[in-house]
Full PDB file with SEQRES, HELIX, SHEET, SSBOND, CRYST1, ORIGX, SCALE, CONECT and MASTER records, all heavy atoms in Angstrom:
SEQRES   1 A   33  GLN VAL GLU GLU ALA LYS ALA GLY ASP ILE VAL CYS PHE          
SEQRES   2 A   33  SER GLY ILE GLU SER VAL ASN ILE GLY ASN THR VAL CYS          
SEQRES   3 A   33  ALA PRO ASP HIS VAL GLU ALA                                  
CRYST1    1.000    1.000    1.000  90.00  90.00  90.00 P 1           1          
ORIGX1      1.000000  0.000000  0.000000        0.00000                         
ORIGX2      0.000000  1.000000  0.000000        0.00000                         
ORIGX3      0.000000  0.000000  1.000000        0.00000                         
SCALE1      1.000000  0.000000  0.000000        0.00000                         
SCALE2      0.000000  1.000000  0.000000        0.00000                         
SCALE3      0.000000  0.000000  1.000000        0.00000                         
ATOM      1  N   GLN A   1     109.493  54.654  87.369  1.00  0.00           N  
ATOM      2  CA  GLN A   1     109.630  56.105  87.668  1.00  0.00           C  
ATOM      3  C   GLN A   1     108.507  56.588  88.573  1.00  0.00           C  
ATOM      4  O   GLN A   1     107.362  56.198  88.371  1.00  0.00           O  
ATOM      5  CB  GLN A   1     109.637  56.917  86.386  1.00  0.00           C  
ATOM      6  CG  GLN A   1     110.027  58.395  86.621  1.00  0.00           C  
ATOM      7  CD  GLN A   1     110.432  59.041  85.328  1.00  0.00           C  
ATOM      8  OE1 GLN A   1     110.528  58.440  84.270  1.00  0.00           O  
ATOM      9  NE2 GLN A   1     110.652  60.386  85.405  1.00  0.00           N  
ATOM     10  N   VAL A   2     108.888  57.345  89.607  1.00  0.00           N  
ATOM     11  CA  VAL A   2     107.857  57.871  90.557  1.00  0.00           C  
ATOM     12  C   VAL A   2     108.082  59.417  90.749  1.00  0.00           C  
ATOM     13  O   VAL A   2     109.139  59.937  90.392  1.00  0.00           O  
ATOM     14  CB  VAL A   2     108.043  57.200  91.971  1.00  0.00           C  
ATOM     15  CG1 VAL A   2     107.685  55.724  91.865  1.00  0.00           C  
ATOM     16  CG2 VAL A   2     109.439  57.354  92.550  1.00  0.00           C  
ATOM     17  N   GLU A   3     106.998  60.067  91.181  1.00  0.00           N  
ATOM     18  CA  GLU A   3     107.083  61.540  91.391  1.00  0.00           C  
ATOM     19  C   GLU A   3     107.778  61.903  92.665  1.00  0.00           C  
ATOM     20  O   GLU A   3     108.500  62.815  92.724  1.00  0.00           O  
ATOM     21  CB  GLU A   3     105.619  62.089  91.427  1.00  0.00           C  
ATOM     22  CG  GLU A   3     104.908  62.059  90.080  1.00  0.00           C  
ATOM     23  CD  GLU A   3     105.489  63.017  89.085  1.00  0.00           C  
ATOM     24  OE1 GLU A   3     105.897  64.180  89.508  1.00  0.00           O  
ATOM     25  OE2 GLU A   3     105.676  62.603  87.912  1.00  0.00           O  
ATOM     26  N   GLU A   4     107.635  60.959  93.719  1.00  0.00           N  
ATOM     27  CA  GLU A   4     108.279  61.205  94.990  1.00  0.00           C  
ATOM     28  C   GLU A   4     108.514  59.948  95.709  1.00  0.00           C  
ATOM     29  O   GLU A   4     107.891  58.925  95.456  1.00  0.00           O  
ATOM     30  CB  GLU A   4     107.507  62.208  95.845  1.00  0.00           C  
ATOM     31  CG  GLU A   4     106.195  61.710  96.372  1.00  0.00           C  
ATOM     32  CD  GLU A   4     105.582  62.627  97.394  1.00  0.00           C  
ATOM     33  OE1 GLU A   4     105.668  63.865  97.268  1.00  0.00           O  
ATOM     34  OE2 GLU A   4     104.982  62.071  98.375  1.00  0.00           O  
ATOM     35  N   ALA A   5     109.491  59.933  96.677  1.00  0.00           N  
ATOM     36  CA  ALA A   5     109.773  58.807  97.498  1.00  0.00           C  
ATOM     37  C   ALA A   5     110.076  59.345  98.892  1.00  0.00           C  
ATOM     38  O   ALA A   5     110.582  60.456  99.076  1.00  0.00           O  
ATOM     39  CB  ALA A   5     111.016  58.022  96.888  1.00  0.00           C  
ATOM     40  N   LYS A   6     109.822  58.477  99.944  1.00  0.00           N  
ATOM     41  CA  LYS A   6     109.962  58.977 101.335  1.00  0.00           C  
ATOM     42  C   LYS A   6     111.057  58.204 102.045  1.00  0.00           C  
ATOM     43  O   LYS A   6     111.590  57.263 101.534  1.00  0.00           O  
ATOM     44  CB  LYS A   6     108.606  58.696 102.038  1.00  0.00           C  
ATOM     45  CG  LYS A   6     107.480  59.603 101.579  1.00  0.00           C  
ATOM     46  CD  LYS A   6     106.271  59.428 102.470  1.00  0.00           C  
ATOM     47  CE  LYS A   6     105.199  60.522 102.251  1.00  0.00           C  
ATOM     48  NZ  LYS A   6     104.612  60.473 100.956  1.00  0.00           N  
ATOM     49  N   ALA A   7     111.349  58.697 103.280  1.00  0.00           N  
ATOM     50  CA  ALA A   7     112.394  58.117 104.129  1.00  0.00           C  
ATOM     51  C   ALA A   7     112.159  56.638 104.218  1.00  0.00           C  
ATOM     52  O   ALA A   7     111.057  56.152 104.431  1.00  0.00           O  
ATOM     53  CB  ALA A   7     112.336  58.752 105.495  1.00  0.00           C  
ATOM     54  N   GLY A   8     113.279  55.847 104.023  1.00  0.00           N  
ATOM     55  CA  GLY A   8     113.221  54.394 104.079  1.00  0.00           C  
ATOM     56  C   GLY A   8     113.233  53.741 102.724  1.00  0.00           C  
ATOM     57  O   GLY A   8     113.683  52.637 102.558  1.00  0.00           O  
ATOM     58  N   ASP A   9     112.798  54.484 101.660  1.00  0.00           N  
ATOM     59  CA  ASP A   9     112.822  53.903 100.340  1.00  0.00           C  
ATOM     60  C   ASP A   9     114.216  53.808  99.749  1.00  0.00           C  
ATOM     61  O   ASP A   9     114.989  54.703  99.993  1.00  0.00           O  
ATOM     62  CB  ASP A   9     111.938  54.763  99.385  1.00  0.00           C  
ATOM     63  CG  ASP A   9     110.442  54.592  99.566  1.00  0.00           C  
ATOM     64  OD1 ASP A   9     110.018  53.448  99.841  1.00  0.00           O  
ATOM     65  OD2 ASP A   9     109.712  55.586  99.449  1.00  0.00           O  
ATOM     66  N   ILE A  10     114.499  52.743  99.006  1.00  0.00           N  
ATOM     67  CA  ILE A  10     115.678  52.641  98.249  1.00  0.00           C  
ATOM     68  C   ILE A  10     115.380  53.190  96.844  1.00  0.00           C  
ATOM     69  O   ILE A  10     114.498  52.692  96.191  1.00  0.00           O  
ATOM     70  CB  ILE A  10     116.236  51.201  98.166  1.00  0.00           C  
ATOM     71  CG1 ILE A  10     116.702  50.767  99.562  1.00  0.00           C  
ATOM     72  CG2 ILE A  10     117.386  51.107  97.185  1.00  0.00           C  
ATOM     73  CD1 ILE A  10     117.155  49.318  99.609  1.00  0.00           C  
ATOM     74  N   VAL A  11     116.119  54.207  96.441  1.00  0.00           N  
ATOM     75  CA  VAL A  11     115.792  54.874  95.138  1.00  0.00           C  
ATOM     76  C   VAL A  11     116.997  54.946  94.264  1.00  0.00           C  
ATOM     77  O   VAL A  11     118.111  54.825  94.646  1.00  0.00           O  
ATOM     78  CB  VAL A  11     115.260  56.323  95.445  1.00  0.00           C  
ATOM     79  CG1 VAL A  11     113.901  56.320  96.099  1.00  0.00           C  
ATOM     80  CG2 VAL A  11     116.288  57.131  96.289  1.00  0.00           C  
ATOM     81  N   CYS A  12     116.662  55.207  93.005  1.00  0.00           N  
ATOM     82  CA  CYS A  12     117.716  55.470  91.962  1.00  0.00           C  
ATOM     83  C   CYS A  12     117.305  56.752  91.367  1.00  0.00           C  
ATOM     84  O   CYS A  12     116.105  56.986  90.977  1.00  0.00           O  
ATOM     85  CB  CYS A  12     117.627  54.330  90.965  1.00  0.00           C  
ATOM     86  SG  CYS A  12     118.705  54.414  89.570  1.00  0.00           S  
ATOM     87  N   PHE A  13     118.264  57.714  91.253  1.00  0.00           N  
ATOM     88  CA  PHE A  13     117.860  59.060  90.700  1.00  0.00           C  
ATOM     89  C   PHE A  13     118.923  59.675  89.836  1.00  0.00           C  
ATOM     90  O   PHE A  13     120.134  59.304  89.915  1.00  0.00           O  
ATOM     91  CB  PHE A  13     117.523  60.038  91.884  1.00  0.00           C  
ATOM     92  CG  PHE A  13     118.645  60.107  92.915  1.00  0.00           C  
ATOM     93  CD1 PHE A  13     119.562  61.108  92.867  1.00  0.00           C  
ATOM     94  CD2 PHE A  13     118.712  59.226  93.955  1.00  0.00           C  
ATOM     95  CE1 PHE A  13     120.605  61.234  93.821  1.00  0.00           C  
ATOM     96  CE2 PHE A  13     119.685  59.303  94.950  1.00  0.00           C  
ATOM     97  CZ  PHE A  13     120.650  60.280  94.874  1.00  0.00           C  
ATOM     98  N   SER A  14     118.481  60.518  88.938  1.00  0.00           N  
ATOM     99  CA  SER A  14     119.377  61.130  87.941  1.00  0.00           C  
ATOM    100  C   SER A  14     119.394  62.648  88.107  1.00  0.00           C  
ATOM    101  O   SER A  14     118.435  63.209  88.690  1.00  0.00           O  
ATOM    102  CB  SER A  14     119.018  60.706  86.528  1.00  0.00           C  
ATOM    103  OG  SER A  14     117.748  61.174  86.215  1.00  0.00           O  
ATOM    104  N   GLY A  15     120.335  63.301  87.518  1.00  0.00           N  
ATOM    105  CA  GLY A  15     120.352  64.750  87.503  1.00  0.00           C  
ATOM    106  C   GLY A  15     121.582  65.379  88.139  1.00  0.00           C  
ATOM    107  O   GLY A  15     121.906  66.571  87.997  1.00  0.00           O  
ATOM    108  N   ILE A  16     122.401  64.509  88.792  1.00  0.00           N  
ATOM    109  CA  ILE A  16     123.663  65.033  89.436  1.00  0.00           C  
ATOM    110  C   ILE A  16     124.841  64.293  88.781  1.00  0.00           C  
ATOM    111  O   ILE A  16     125.202  63.201  89.085  1.00  0.00           O  
ATOM    112  CB  ILE A  16     123.693  64.702  90.936  1.00  0.00           C  
ATOM    113  CG1 ILE A  16     122.345  65.118  91.602  1.00  0.00           C  
ATOM    114  CG2 ILE A  16     124.809  65.483  91.600  1.00  0.00           C  
ATOM    115  CD1 ILE A  16     122.222  64.709  93.043  1.00  0.00           C  
ATOM    116  N   GLU A  17     125.451  64.959  87.773  1.00  0.00           N  
ATOM    117  CA  GLU A  17     126.511  64.341  87.002  1.00  0.00           C  
ATOM    118  C   GLU A  17     127.775  64.060  87.775  1.00  0.00           C  
ATOM    119  O   GLU A  17     128.497  63.100  87.505  1.00  0.00           O  
ATOM    120  CB  GLU A  17     126.880  65.213  85.751  1.00  0.00           C  
ATOM    121  CG  GLU A  17     125.961  65.008  84.574  1.00  0.00           C  
ATOM    122  CD  GLU A  17     125.836  63.535  84.135  1.00  0.00           C  
ATOM    123  OE1 GLU A  17     126.884  62.892  83.928  1.00  0.00           O  
ATOM    124  OE2 GLU A  17     124.704  63.033  84.069  1.00  0.00           O  
ATOM    125  N   SER A  18     128.062  64.870  88.835  1.00  0.00           N  
ATOM    126  CA  SER A  18     129.298  64.772  89.608  1.00  0.00           C  
ATOM    127  C   SER A  18     129.140  63.833  90.782  1.00  0.00           C  
ATOM    128  O   SER A  18     130.102  63.676  91.553  1.00  0.00           O  
ATOM    129  CB  SER A  18     129.800  66.106  90.040  1.00  0.00           C  
ATOM    130  OG  SER A  18     128.793  66.730  90.851  1.00  0.00           O  
ATOM    131  N   VAL A  19     127.967  63.223  90.949  1.00  0.00           N  
ATOM    132  CA  VAL A  19     127.758  62.395  92.197  1.00  0.00           C  
ATOM    133  C   VAL A  19     128.673  61.148  92.196  1.00  0.00           C  
ATOM    134  O   VAL A  19     129.009  60.581  91.162  1.00  0.00           O  
ATOM    135  CB  VAL A  19     126.304  62.014  92.300  1.00  0.00           C  
ATOM    136  CG1 VAL A  19     125.881  61.000  91.164  1.00  0.00           C  
ATOM    137  CG2 VAL A  19     125.922  61.510  93.654  1.00  0.00           C  
ATOM    138  N   ASN A  20     129.052  60.750  93.405  1.00  0.00           N  
ATOM    139  CA  ASN A  20     129.917  59.625  93.542  1.00  0.00           C  
ATOM    140  C   ASN A  20     129.547  58.802  94.755  1.00  0.00           C  
ATOM    141  O   ASN A  20     128.775  59.266  95.645  1.00  0.00           O  
ATOM    142  CB  ASN A  20     131.395  60.038  93.743  1.00  0.00           C  
ATOM    143  CG  ASN A  20     132.242  59.489  92.550  1.00  0.00           C  
ATOM    144  OD1 ASN A  20     132.086  58.389  92.118  1.00  0.00           O  
ATOM    145  ND2 ASN A  20     133.158  60.338  92.092  1.00  0.00           N  
ATOM    146  N   ILE A  21     130.001  57.585  94.815  1.00  0.00           N  
ATOM    147  CA  ILE A  21     129.714  56.694  95.988  1.00  0.00           C  
ATOM    148  C   ILE A  21     130.253  57.295  97.209  1.00  0.00           C  
ATOM    149  O   ILE A  21     131.385  57.733  97.288  1.00  0.00           O  
ATOM    150  CB  ILE A  21     130.341  55.249  95.674  1.00  0.00           C  
ATOM    151  CG1 ILE A  21     129.567  54.589  94.534  1.00  0.00           C  
ATOM    152  CG2 ILE A  21     130.280  54.441  96.945  1.00  0.00           C  
ATOM    153  CD1 ILE A  21     130.280  53.414  93.911  1.00  0.00           C  
ATOM    154  N   GLY A  22     129.459  57.277  98.270  1.00  0.00           N  
ATOM    155  CA  GLY A  22     129.879  57.862  99.521  1.00  0.00           C  
ATOM    156  C   GLY A  22     129.442  59.322  99.768  1.00  0.00           C  
ATOM    157  O   GLY A  22     129.483  59.809 100.829  1.00  0.00           O  
ATOM    158  N   ASN A  23     128.993  60.021  98.623  1.00  0.00           N  
ATOM    159  CA  ASN A  23     128.440  61.344  98.761  1.00  0.00           C  
ATOM    160  C   ASN A  23     127.083  61.339  99.418  1.00  0.00           C  
ATOM    161  O   ASN A  23     126.410  60.358  99.405  1.00  0.00           O  
ATOM    162  CB  ASN A  23     128.281  61.978  97.373  1.00  0.00           C  
ATOM    163  CG  ASN A  23     129.562  62.243  96.676  1.00  0.00           C  
ATOM    164  OD1 ASN A  23     129.581  62.574  95.484  1.00  0.00           O  
ATOM    165  ND2 ASN A  23     130.765  62.094  97.291  1.00  0.00           N  
ATOM    166  N   THR A  24     126.732  62.470 100.067  1.00  0.00           N  
ATOM    167  CA  THR A  24     125.384  62.621 100.612  1.00  0.00           C  
ATOM    168  C   THR A  24     124.650  63.618  99.782  1.00  0.00           C  
ATOM    169  O   THR A  24     125.153  64.733  99.442  1.00  0.00           O  
ATOM    170  CB  THR A  24     125.440  63.139 102.087  1.00  0.00           C  
ATOM    171  OG1 THR A  24     126.201  62.206 102.787  1.00  0.00           O  
ATOM    172  CG2 THR A  24     124.071  63.215 102.676  1.00  0.00           C  
ATOM    173  N   VAL A  25     123.397  63.305  99.318  1.00  0.00           N  
ATOM    174  CA  VAL A  25     122.566  64.223  98.638  1.00  0.00           C  
ATOM    175  C   VAL A  25     121.497  64.789  99.718  1.00  0.00           C  
ATOM    176  O   VAL A  25     120.873  63.977 100.339  1.00  0.00           O  
ATOM    177  CB  VAL A  25     121.760  63.547  97.501  1.00  0.00           C  
ATOM    178  CG1 VAL A  25     120.776  64.455  96.860  1.00  0.00           C  
ATOM    179  CG2 VAL A  25     122.830  63.055  96.462  1.00  0.00           C  
ATOM    180  N   CYS A  26     121.500  66.115  99.832  1.00  0.00           N  
ATOM    181  CA  CYS A  26     120.656  66.638 100.933  1.00  0.00           C  
ATOM    182  C   CYS A  26     119.983  67.912 100.495  1.00  0.00           C  
ATOM    183  O   CYS A  26     120.173  68.414  99.421  1.00  0.00           O  
ATOM    184  CB  CYS A  26     121.514  66.844 102.179  1.00  0.00           C  
ATOM    185  SG  CYS A  26     123.047  67.659 101.896  1.00  0.00           S  
ATOM    186  N   ALA A  27     119.152  68.458 101.381  1.00  0.00           N  
ATOM    187  CA  ALA A  27     118.443  69.687 101.158  1.00  0.00           C  
ATOM    188  C   ALA A  27     119.463  70.852 101.115  1.00  0.00           C  
ATOM    189  O   ALA A  27     120.305  70.883 101.991  1.00  0.00           O  
ATOM    190  CB  ALA A  27     117.356  69.943 102.175  1.00  0.00           C  
ATOM    191  N   PRO A  28     119.293  71.809 100.228  1.00  0.00           N  
ATOM    192  CA  PRO A  28     120.291  72.920 100.133  1.00  0.00           C  
ATOM    193  C   PRO A  28     120.353  73.783 101.375  1.00  0.00           C  
ATOM    194  O   PRO A  28     121.423  74.357 101.688  1.00  0.00           O  
ATOM    195  CB  PRO A  28     119.785  73.762  98.906  1.00  0.00           C  
ATOM    196  CG  PRO A  28     118.858  72.826  98.154  1.00  0.00           C  
ATOM    197  CD  PRO A  28     118.293  71.914  99.163  1.00  0.00           C  
ATOM    198  N   ASP A  29     119.283  73.890 102.110  1.00  0.00           N  
ATOM    199  CA  ASP A  29     119.310  74.713 103.314  1.00  0.00           C  
ATOM    200  C   ASP A  29     119.637  73.901 104.586  1.00  0.00           C  
ATOM    201  O   ASP A  29     119.590  74.414 105.687  1.00  0.00           O  
ATOM    202  CB  ASP A  29     117.896  75.358 103.501  1.00  0.00           C  
ATOM    203  CG  ASP A  29     116.765  74.346 103.518  1.00  0.00           C  
ATOM    204  OD1 ASP A  29     117.068  73.118 103.280  1.00  0.00           O  
ATOM    205  OD2 ASP A  29     115.621  74.749 103.787  1.00  0.00           O  
ATOM    206  N   HIS A  30     120.014  72.640 104.420  1.00  0.00           N  
ATOM    207  CA  HIS A  30     120.380  71.812 105.548  1.00  0.00           C  
ATOM    208  C   HIS A  30     121.469  70.797 105.066  1.00  0.00           C  
ATOM    209  O   HIS A  30     121.217  69.607 104.908  1.00  0.00           O  
ATOM    210  CB  HIS A  30     119.164  71.113 106.148  1.00  0.00           C  
ATOM    211  CG  HIS A  30     119.453  70.426 107.433  1.00  0.00           C  
ATOM    212  ND1 HIS A  30     119.332  71.049 108.643  1.00  0.00           N  
ATOM    213  CD2 HIS A  30     119.852  69.094 107.744  1.00  0.00           C  
ATOM    214  CE1 HIS A  30     119.640  70.146 109.592  1.00  0.00           C  
ATOM    215  NE2 HIS A  30     119.921  69.056 109.057  1.00  0.00           N  
ATOM    216  N   VAL A  31     122.661  71.309 104.844  1.00  0.00           N  
ATOM    217  CA  VAL A  31     123.752  70.441 104.269  1.00  0.00           C  
ATOM    218  C   VAL A  31     124.410  69.710 105.383  1.00  0.00           C  
ATOM    219  O   VAL A  31     125.135  70.301 106.226  1.00  0.00           O  
ATOM    220  CB  VAL A  31     124.733  71.285 103.504  1.00  0.00           C  
ATOM    221  CG1 VAL A  31     125.886  70.425 102.976  1.00  0.00           C  
ATOM    222  CG2 VAL A  31     124.045  72.051 102.332  1.00  0.00           C  
ATOM    223  N   GLU A  32     124.145  68.458 105.468  1.00  0.00           N  
ATOM    224  CA  GLU A  32     124.763  67.578 106.529  1.00  0.00           C  
ATOM    225  C   GLU A  32     125.081  66.239 105.949  1.00  0.00           C  
ATOM    226  O   GLU A  32     124.233  65.452 105.512  1.00  0.00           O  
ATOM    227  CB  GLU A  32     123.819  67.438 107.752  1.00  0.00           C  
ATOM    228  CG  GLU A  32     124.404  66.741 108.931  1.00  0.00           C  
ATOM    229  CD  GLU A  32     123.405  66.516 110.055  1.00  0.00           C  
ATOM    230  OE1 GLU A  32     122.375  67.204 110.079  1.00  0.00           O  
ATOM    231  OE2 GLU A  32     123.635  65.592 110.789  1.00  0.00           O  
ATOM    232  N   ALA A  33     126.436  65.896 105.917  1.00  0.00           N  
ATOM    233  CA  ALA A  33     126.868  64.685 105.297  1.00  0.00           C  
ATOM    234  C   ALA A  33     126.686  63.490 106.270  1.00  0.00           C  
ATOM    235  O   ALA A  33     126.753  63.600 107.522  1.00  0.00           O  
ATOM    236  CB  ALA A  33     128.346  64.774 104.951  1.00  0.00           C  
TER     237      ALA A  33                                                      
MASTER        0    0    0    0    0    0    0    6  236    1    0    3          
END                                                                             
């Protein structure tokens, strides 16, 4: 478990119950798939 990860890292994360393969997780003020 880490506090933060940067561009390039392969990460595993929790908190999004509806997430699916192929979805993009992004910043709320910059939604770009």
